[in-house]
Amino acid sequence: MSFIPRLDLLLADLEGLAGAVMFPALLYLGSRLALTWTVRLHWIVGAFLSILFGVLVALLLFGMTATFFRNFPARVTLSLFASIVLLAANVCSAWSFILFSQGWASYESSRQLDPGAFADLYLWHFIDMIPGFKVWETLGVQAPIIAKGPIAGLPLLAFRVCVGLPILALFVKWYDLVKSKGQPPPGPG
């Protein structure tokens, strides 16, 4: 194969990878802006929008089947995993902010508590759930926000049980399927 066709293949792979990175990033930013705006507009409006986004997260989780894994390349599957985690982090951060702003829950943090700070908390917890690595313990990084009491901990528990565990289980299922097909581990394309 000559240089030009190889360059065309490389460019196509890079375009696919860019799309796989951009989709979760744009979904995260768009949902974060929408939820932050609606929660500050009125907590009921924010709660309603977060429920709609929560339904979307559930539908995406239920749509990740072995058939889906077989029909789409690794970049699409990994992009969808990231999208679900980021969207769920925004949904749960909206609920934490609602609980905090209404005075129904208490949190402790060295930074100002806003929906973005709570979103960071959920991403921290997702990384903390990766089995066997103890990422934050190894790096000596503490949680950015501490939930004080059971009401404050409910959105965290919901995130861990309803999103974190299923995503990790689906990732293992997908990886096992890729290995059983005799393909090399997923790369950029």
C-alpha atoms as a PDB file:
ATOM      1  CA  MET A   1       0.000   0.000   0.000  1.00  0.00           C
ATOM      2  CA  SER A   2       1.406   3.369  -0.949  1.00  0.00           C
ATOM      3  CA  PHE A   3       1.725   6.411   1.241  1.00  0.00           C
ATOM      4  CA  ILE A   4      -1.421   8.281   0.119  1.00  0.00           C
ATOM      5  CA  PRO A   5      -3.930   5.459   0.815  1.00  0.00           C
ATOM      6  CA  ARG A   6      -2.295   4.869   4.208  1.00  0.00           C
ATOM      7  CA  LEU A   7      -2.571   8.569   4.995  1.00  0.00           C
ATOM      8  CA  ASP A   8      -6.259   8.485   3.980  1.00  0.00           C
ATOM      9  CA  LEU A   9      -6.859   5.542   6.350  1.00  0.00           C
ATOM     10  CA  LEU A  10      -5.044   7.321   9.169  1.00  0.00           C
ATOM     11  CA  LEU A  11      -7.092  10.482   8.619  1.00  0.00           C
ATOM     12  CA  ALA A  12     -10.341   8.478   8.600  1.00  0.00           C
ATOM     13  CA  ASP A  13      -9.344   6.790  11.885  1.00  0.00           C
ATOM     14  CA  LEU A  14      -8.462  10.164  13.420  1.00  0.00           C
ATOM     15  CA  GLU A  15     -11.802  11.643  12.316  1.00  0.00           C
ATOM     16  CA  GLY A  16     -13.637   8.700  13.878  1.00  0.00           C
ATOM     17  CA  LEU A  17     -11.638   9.075  17.084  1.00  0.00           C
ATOM     18  CA  ALA A  18     -12.290  12.823  17.198  1.00  0.00           C
ATOM     19  CA  GLY A  19     -16.015  12.183  16.904  1.00  0.00           C
ATOM     20  CA  ALA A  20     -15.826   9.558  19.638  1.00  0.00           C
ATOM     21  CA  VAL A  21     -14.167  12.105  21.949  1.00  0.00           C
ATOM     22  CA  MET A  22     -16.285  15.093  20.936  1.00  0.00           C
ATOM     23  CA  PHE A  23     -19.688  13.431  21.388  1.00  0.00           C
ATOM     24  CA  PRO A  24     -19.344  12.744  25.133  1.00  0.00           C
ATOM     25  CA  ALA A  25     -17.627  16.101  25.666  1.00  0.00           C
ATOM     26  CA  LEU A  26     -20.395  18.054  23.946  1.00  0.00           C
ATOM     27  CA  LEU A  27     -23.109  16.004  25.643  1.00  0.00           C
ATOM     28  CA  TYR A  28     -21.475  16.687  29.005  1.00  0.00           C
ATOM     29  CA  LEU A  29     -21.125  20.417  28.386  1.00  0.00           C
ATOM     30  CA  GLY A  30     -24.608  20.779  26.925  1.00  0.00           C
ATOM     31  CA  SER A  31     -26.331  18.857  29.711  1.00  0.00           C
ATOM     32  CA  ARG A  32     -24.270  20.644  32.357  1.00  0.00           C
ATOM     33  CA  LEU A  33     -25.228  24.055  30.995  1.00  0.00           C
ATOM     34  CA  ALA A  34     -28.900  23.086  30.665  1.00  0.00           C
ATOM     35  CA  LEU A  35     -29.096  21.589  34.151  1.00  0.00           C
ATOM     36  CA  THR A  36     -27.175  24.436  35.789  1.00  0.00           C
ATOM     37  CA  TRP A  37     -29.418  27.013  34.137  1.00  0.00           C
ATOM     38  CA  THR A  38     -32.680  25.211  34.970  1.00  0.00           C
ATOM     39  CA  VAL A  39     -31.697  24.421  38.570  1.00  0.00           C
ATOM     40  CA  ARG A  40     -30.905  28.089  39.136  1.00  0.00           C
ATOM     41  CA  LEU A  41     -34.083  29.162  37.346  1.00  0.00           C
ATOM     42  CA  HIS A  42     -36.203  27.111  39.760  1.00  0.00           C
ATOM     43  CA  TRP A  43     -35.455  23.844  41.476  1.00  0.00           C
ATOM     44  CA  ILE A  44     -38.630  22.175  40.122  1.00  0.00           C
ATOM     45  CA  VAL A  45     -37.628  22.983  36.537  1.00  0.00           C
ATOM     46  CA  GLY A  46     -34.154  21.585  37.202  1.00  0.00           C
ATOM     47  CA  ALA A  47     -35.620  18.481  38.818  1.00  0.00           C
ATOM     48  CA  PHE A  48     -37.894  17.899  35.825  1.00  0.00           C
ATOM     49  CA  LEU A  49     -35.037  18.248  33.317  1.00  0.00           C
ATOM     50  CA  SER A  50     -32.789  16.005  35.406  1.00  0.00           C
ATOM     51  CA  ILE A  51     -35.523  13.337  35.420  1.00  0.00           C
ATOM     52  CA  LEU A  52     -35.690  13.530  31.618  1.00  0.00           C
ATOM     53  CA  PHE A  53     -31.909  13.184  31.362  1.00  0.00           C
ATOM     54  CA  GLY A  54     -32.079  10.327  33.890  1.00  0.00           C
ATOM     55  CA  VAL A  55     -34.561   8.495  31.651  1.00  0.00           C
ATOM     56  CA  LEU A  56     -32.134   9.001  28.758  1.00  0.00           C
ATOM     57  CA  VAL A  57     -29.323   7.480  30.849  1.00  0.00           C
ATOM     58  CA  ALA A  58     -31.525   4.471  31.666  1.00  0.00           C
ATOM     59  CA  LEU A  59     -32.477   3.985  28.008  1.00  0.00           C
ATOM     60  CA  LEU A  60     -28.834   4.148  26.962  1.00  0.00           C
ATOM     61  CA  LEU A  61     -27.870   1.608  29.629  1.00  0.00           C
ATOM     62  CA  PHE A  62     -30.614  -0.784  28.545  1.00  0.00           C
ATOM     63  CA  GLY A  63     -29.599  -0.371  24.905  1.00  0.00           C
ATOM     64  CA  MET A  64     -26.091  -1.627  25.510  1.00  0.00           C
ATOM     65  CA  THR A  65     -26.525  -5.273  24.603  1.00  0.00           C
ATOM     66  CA  ALA A  66     -24.242  -7.892  23.090  1.00  0.00           C
ATOM     67  CA  THR A  67     -25.820  -7.109  19.706  1.00  0.00           C
ATOM     68  CA  PHE A  68     -24.867  -3.457  20.098  1.00  0.00           C
ATOM     69  CA  PHE A  69     -21.325  -4.431  21.101  1.00  0.00           C
ATOM     70  CA  ARG A  70     -20.975  -6.676  18.042  1.00  0.00           C
ATOM     71  CA  ASN A  71     -22.301  -4.102  15.569  1.00  0.00           C
ATOM     72  CA  PHE A  72     -20.252  -1.045  16.503  1.00  0.00           C
ATOM     73  CA  PRO A  73     -16.521  -0.381  16.640  1.00  0.00           C
ATOM     74  CA  ALA A  74     -14.681   0.083  19.924  1.00  0.00           C
ATOM     75  CA  ARG A  75     -14.562   3.870  19.595  1.00  0.00           C
ATOM     76  CA  VAL A  76     -18.376   4.066  19.422  1.00  0.00           C
ATOM     77  CA  THR A  77     -18.836   1.754  22.411  1.00  0.00           C
ATOM     78  CA  LEU A  78     -16.268   3.567  24.535  1.00  0.00           C
ATOM     79  CA  SER A  79     -17.762   6.910  23.527  1.00  0.00           C
ATOM     80  CA  LEU A  80     -21.186   5.716  24.665  1.00  0.00           C
ATOM     81  CA  PHE A  81     -19.748   4.477  27.989  1.00  0.00           C
ATOM     82  CA  ALA A  82     -18.204   7.910  28.580  1.00  0.00           C
ATOM     83  CA  SER A  83     -21.413   9.687  27.525  1.00  0.00           C
ATOM     84  CA  ILE A  84     -23.515   7.710  29.977  1.00  0.00           C
ATOM     85  CA  VAL A  85     -21.143   8.338  32.885  1.00  0.00           C
ATOM     86  CA  LEU A  86     -20.836  12.060  32.144  1.00  0.00           C
ATOM     87  CA  LEU A  87     -24.569  12.559  31.654  1.00  0.00           C
ATOM     88  CA  ALA A  88     -25.358  10.613  34.833  1.00  0.00           C
ATOM     89  CA  ALA A  89     -22.804  12.698  36.756  1.00  0.00           C
ATOM     90  CA  ASN A  90     -24.622  15.830  35.622  1.00  0.00           C
ATOM     91  CA  VAL A  91     -28.034  14.408  36.575  1.00  0.00           C
ATOM     92  CA  CYS A  92     -26.886  13.434  40.049  1.00  0.00           C
ATOM     93  CA  SER A  93     -25.013  16.707  40.512  1.00  0.00           C
ATOM     94  CA  ALA A  94     -28.246  18.577  39.775  1.00  0.00           C
ATOM     95  CA  TRP A  95     -30.028  16.560  42.468  1.00  0.00           C
ATOM     96  CA  SER A  96     -27.233  17.181  44.968  1.00  0.00           C
ATOM     97  CA  PHE A  97     -27.330  20.895  44.208  1.00  0.00           C
ATOM     98  CA  ILE A  98     -31.125  20.937  44.584  1.00  0.00           C
ATOM     99  CA  LEU A  99     -30.887  19.201  47.953  1.00  0.00           C
ATOM    100  CA  PHE A 100     -28.155  21.613  49.046  1.00  0.00           C
ATOM    101  CA  SER A 101     -29.766  24.817  47.756  1.00  0.00           C
ATOM    102  CA  GLN A 102     -33.118  23.967  49.333  1.00  0.00           C
ATOM    103  CA  GLY A 103     -31.449  23.256  52.679  1.00  0.00           C
ATOM    104  CA  TRP A 104     -32.530  19.610  52.662  1.00  0.00           C
ATOM    105  CA  ALA A 105     -28.962  18.262  52.711  1.00  0.00           C
ATOM    106  CA  SER A 106     -25.600  19.378  53.974  1.00  0.00           C
ATOM    107  CA  TYR A 107     -22.222  19.078  52.288  1.00  0.00           C
ATOM    108  CA  GLU A 108     -18.706  20.061  53.289  1.00  0.00           C
ATOM    109  CA  SER A 109     -16.202  21.451  50.822  1.00  0.00           C
ATOM    110  CA  SER A 110     -13.357  23.918  50.585  1.00  0.00           C
ATOM    111  CA  ARG A 111     -14.802  25.285  47.352  1.00  0.00           C
ATOM    112  CA  GLN A 112     -18.053  27.008  46.467  1.00  0.00           C
ATOM    113  CA  LEU A 113     -20.828  24.470  45.989  1.00  0.00           C
ATOM    114  CA  ASP A 114     -22.453  24.713  42.574  1.00  0.00           C
ATOM    115  CA  PRO A 115     -23.611  22.085  40.059  1.00  0.00           C
ATOM    116  CA  GLY A 116     -20.123  21.955  38.516  1.00  0.00           C
ATOM    117  CA  ALA A 117     -18.507  21.183  41.859  1.00  0.00           C
ATOM    118  CA  PHE A 118     -21.019  18.391  42.404  1.00  0.00           C
ATOM    119  CA  ALA A 119     -20.351  17.025  38.885  1.00  0.00           C
ATOM    120  CA  ASP A 120     -16.659  16.810  39.800  1.00  0.00           C
ATOM    121  CA  LEU A 121     -17.669  14.834  42.885  1.00  0.00           C
ATOM    122  CA  TYR A 122     -19.517  12.236  40.819  1.00  0.00           C
ATOM    123  CA  LEU A 123     -16.639  11.819  38.396  1.00  0.00           C
ATOM    124  CA  TRP A 124     -14.333  11.439  41.405  1.00  0.00           C
ATOM    125  CA  HIS A 125     -16.589   8.676  42.734  1.00  0.00           C
ATOM    126  CA  PHE A 126     -16.746   6.920  39.363  1.00  0.00           C
ATOM    127  CA  ILE A 127     -12.946   6.782  39.134  1.00  0.00           C
ATOM    128  CA  ASP A 128     -12.877   5.652  42.764  1.00  0.00           C
ATOM    129  CA  MET A 129     -15.101   2.687  41.809  1.00  0.00           C
ATOM    130  CA  ILE A 130     -12.556   1.183  39.390  1.00  0.00           C
ATOM    131  CA  PRO A 131     -11.790  -2.120  41.082  1.00  0.00           C
ATOM    132  CA  GLY A 132      -8.291  -2.927  42.238  1.00  0.00           C
ATOM    133  CA  PHE A 133      -6.585   0.357  41.387  1.00  0.00           C
ATOM    134  CA  LYS A 134      -7.382   2.596  44.377  1.00  0.00           C
ATOM    135  CA  VAL A 135      -6.588   5.559  42.143  1.00  0.00           C
ATOM    136  CA  TRP A 136      -7.378   8.369  44.561  1.00  0.00           C
ATOM    137  CA  GLU A 137      -5.870   6.603  47.559  1.00  0.00           C
ATOM    138  CA  THR A 138      -2.657   6.034  45.607  1.00  0.00           C
ATOM    139  CA  LEU A 139      -2.527   9.661  44.487  1.00  0.00           C
ATOM    140  CA  GLY A 140      -3.535  10.969  47.910  1.00  0.00           C
ATOM    141  CA  VAL A 141      -6.523  12.868  46.514  1.00  0.00           C
ATOM    142  CA  GLN A 142      -9.509  13.408  48.796  1.00  0.00           C
ATOM    143  CA  ALA A 143     -13.105  13.722  47.607  1.00  0.00           C
ATOM    144  CA  PRO A 144     -13.828  17.325  46.578  1.00  0.00           C
ATOM    145  CA  ILE A 145     -17.085  17.345  48.572  1.00  0.00           C
ATOM    146  CA  ILE A 146     -18.160  15.347  51.620  1.00  0.00           C
ATOM    147  CA  ALA A 147     -21.827  14.427  51.993  1.00  0.00           C
ATOM    148  CA  LYS A 148     -23.084  15.014  55.528  1.00  0.00           C
ATOM    149  CA  GLY A 149     -25.947  12.683  56.385  1.00  0.00           C
ATOM    150  CA  PRO A 150     -28.122  10.157  54.603  1.00  0.00           C
ATOM    151  CA  ILE A 151     -30.123  12.629  52.502  1.00  0.00           C
ATOM    152  CA  ALA A 152     -26.942  14.151  51.087  1.00  0.00           C
ATOM    153  CA  GLY A 153     -25.613  10.656  50.340  1.00  0.00           C
ATOM    154  CA  LEU A 154     -28.703   9.452  48.424  1.00  0.00           C
ATOM    155  CA  PRO A 155     -27.695  10.854  45.018  1.00  0.00           C
ATOM    156  CA  LEU A 156     -24.186   9.420  45.523  1.00  0.00           C
ATOM    157  CA  LEU A 157     -25.606   6.006  46.322  1.00  0.00           C
ATOM    158  CA  ALA A 158     -27.955   6.198  43.330  1.00  0.00           C
ATOM    159  CA  PHE A 159     -25.029   7.078  41.051  1.00  0.00           C
ATOM    160  CA  ARG A 160     -22.879   4.233  42.337  1.00  0.00           C
ATOM    161  CA  VAL A 161     -25.629   1.593  42.227  1.00  0.00           C
ATOM    162  CA  CYS A 162     -27.633   2.670  39.176  1.00  0.00           C
ATOM    163  CA  VAL A 163     -24.845   3.935  36.935  1.00  0.00           C
ATOM    164  CA  GLY A 164     -21.368   3.060  38.168  1.00  0.00           C
ATOM    165  CA  LEU A 165     -21.891  -0.647  38.760  1.00  0.00           C
ATOM    166  CA  PRO A 166     -23.848  -1.296  35.527  1.00  0.00           C
ATOM    167  CA  ILE A 167     -21.290   0.621  33.447  1.00  0.00           C
ATOM    168  CA  LEU A 168     -18.402  -1.342  34.951  1.00  0.00           C
ATOM    169  CA  ALA A 169     -20.293  -4.627  34.429  1.00  0.00           C
ATOM    170  CA  LEU A 170     -21.157  -3.696  30.824  1.00  0.00           C
ATOM    171  CA  PHE A 171     -17.544  -2.739  30.176  1.00  0.00           C
ATOM    172  CA  VAL A 172     -16.370  -6.158  31.380  1.00  0.00           C
ATOM    173  CA  LYS A 173     -19.048  -7.854  29.234  1.00  0.00           C
ATOM    174  CA  TRP A 174     -18.000  -5.831  26.194  1.00  0.00           C
ATOM    175  CA  TYR A 175     -14.293  -6.501  26.756  1.00  0.00           C
ATOM    176  CA  ASP A 176     -14.924 -10.244  27.142  1.00  0.00           C
ATOM    177  CA  LEU A 177     -16.902 -10.212  23.884  1.00  0.00           C
ATOM    178  CA  VAL A 178     -14.058  -8.425  22.085  1.00  0.00           C
ATOM    179  CA  LYS A 179     -11.533 -10.938  23.448  1.00  0.00           C
ATOM    180  CA  SER A 180     -13.707 -13.930  22.504  1.00  0.00           C
ATOM    181  CA  LYS A 181     -13.882 -12.711  18.903  1.00  0.00           C
ATOM    182  CA  GLY A 182     -10.094 -12.969  18.806  1.00  0.00           C
ATOM    183  CA  GLN A 183      -9.648  -9.287  18.102  1.00  0.00           C
ATOM    184  CA  PRO A 184      -6.817  -7.301  19.578  1.00  0.00           C
ATOM    185  CA  PRO A 185      -7.727  -5.042  22.499  1.00  0.00           C
ATOM    186  CA  PRO A 186      -9.466  -1.881  21.336  1.00  0.00           C
ATOM    187  CA  GLY A 187      -7.266   0.827  19.967  1.00  0.00           C
ATOM    188  CA  PRO A 188      -8.021   4.274  18.614  1.00  0.00           C
ATOM    189  CA  GLY A 189     -10.240   3.009  15.801  1.00  0.00           C
END
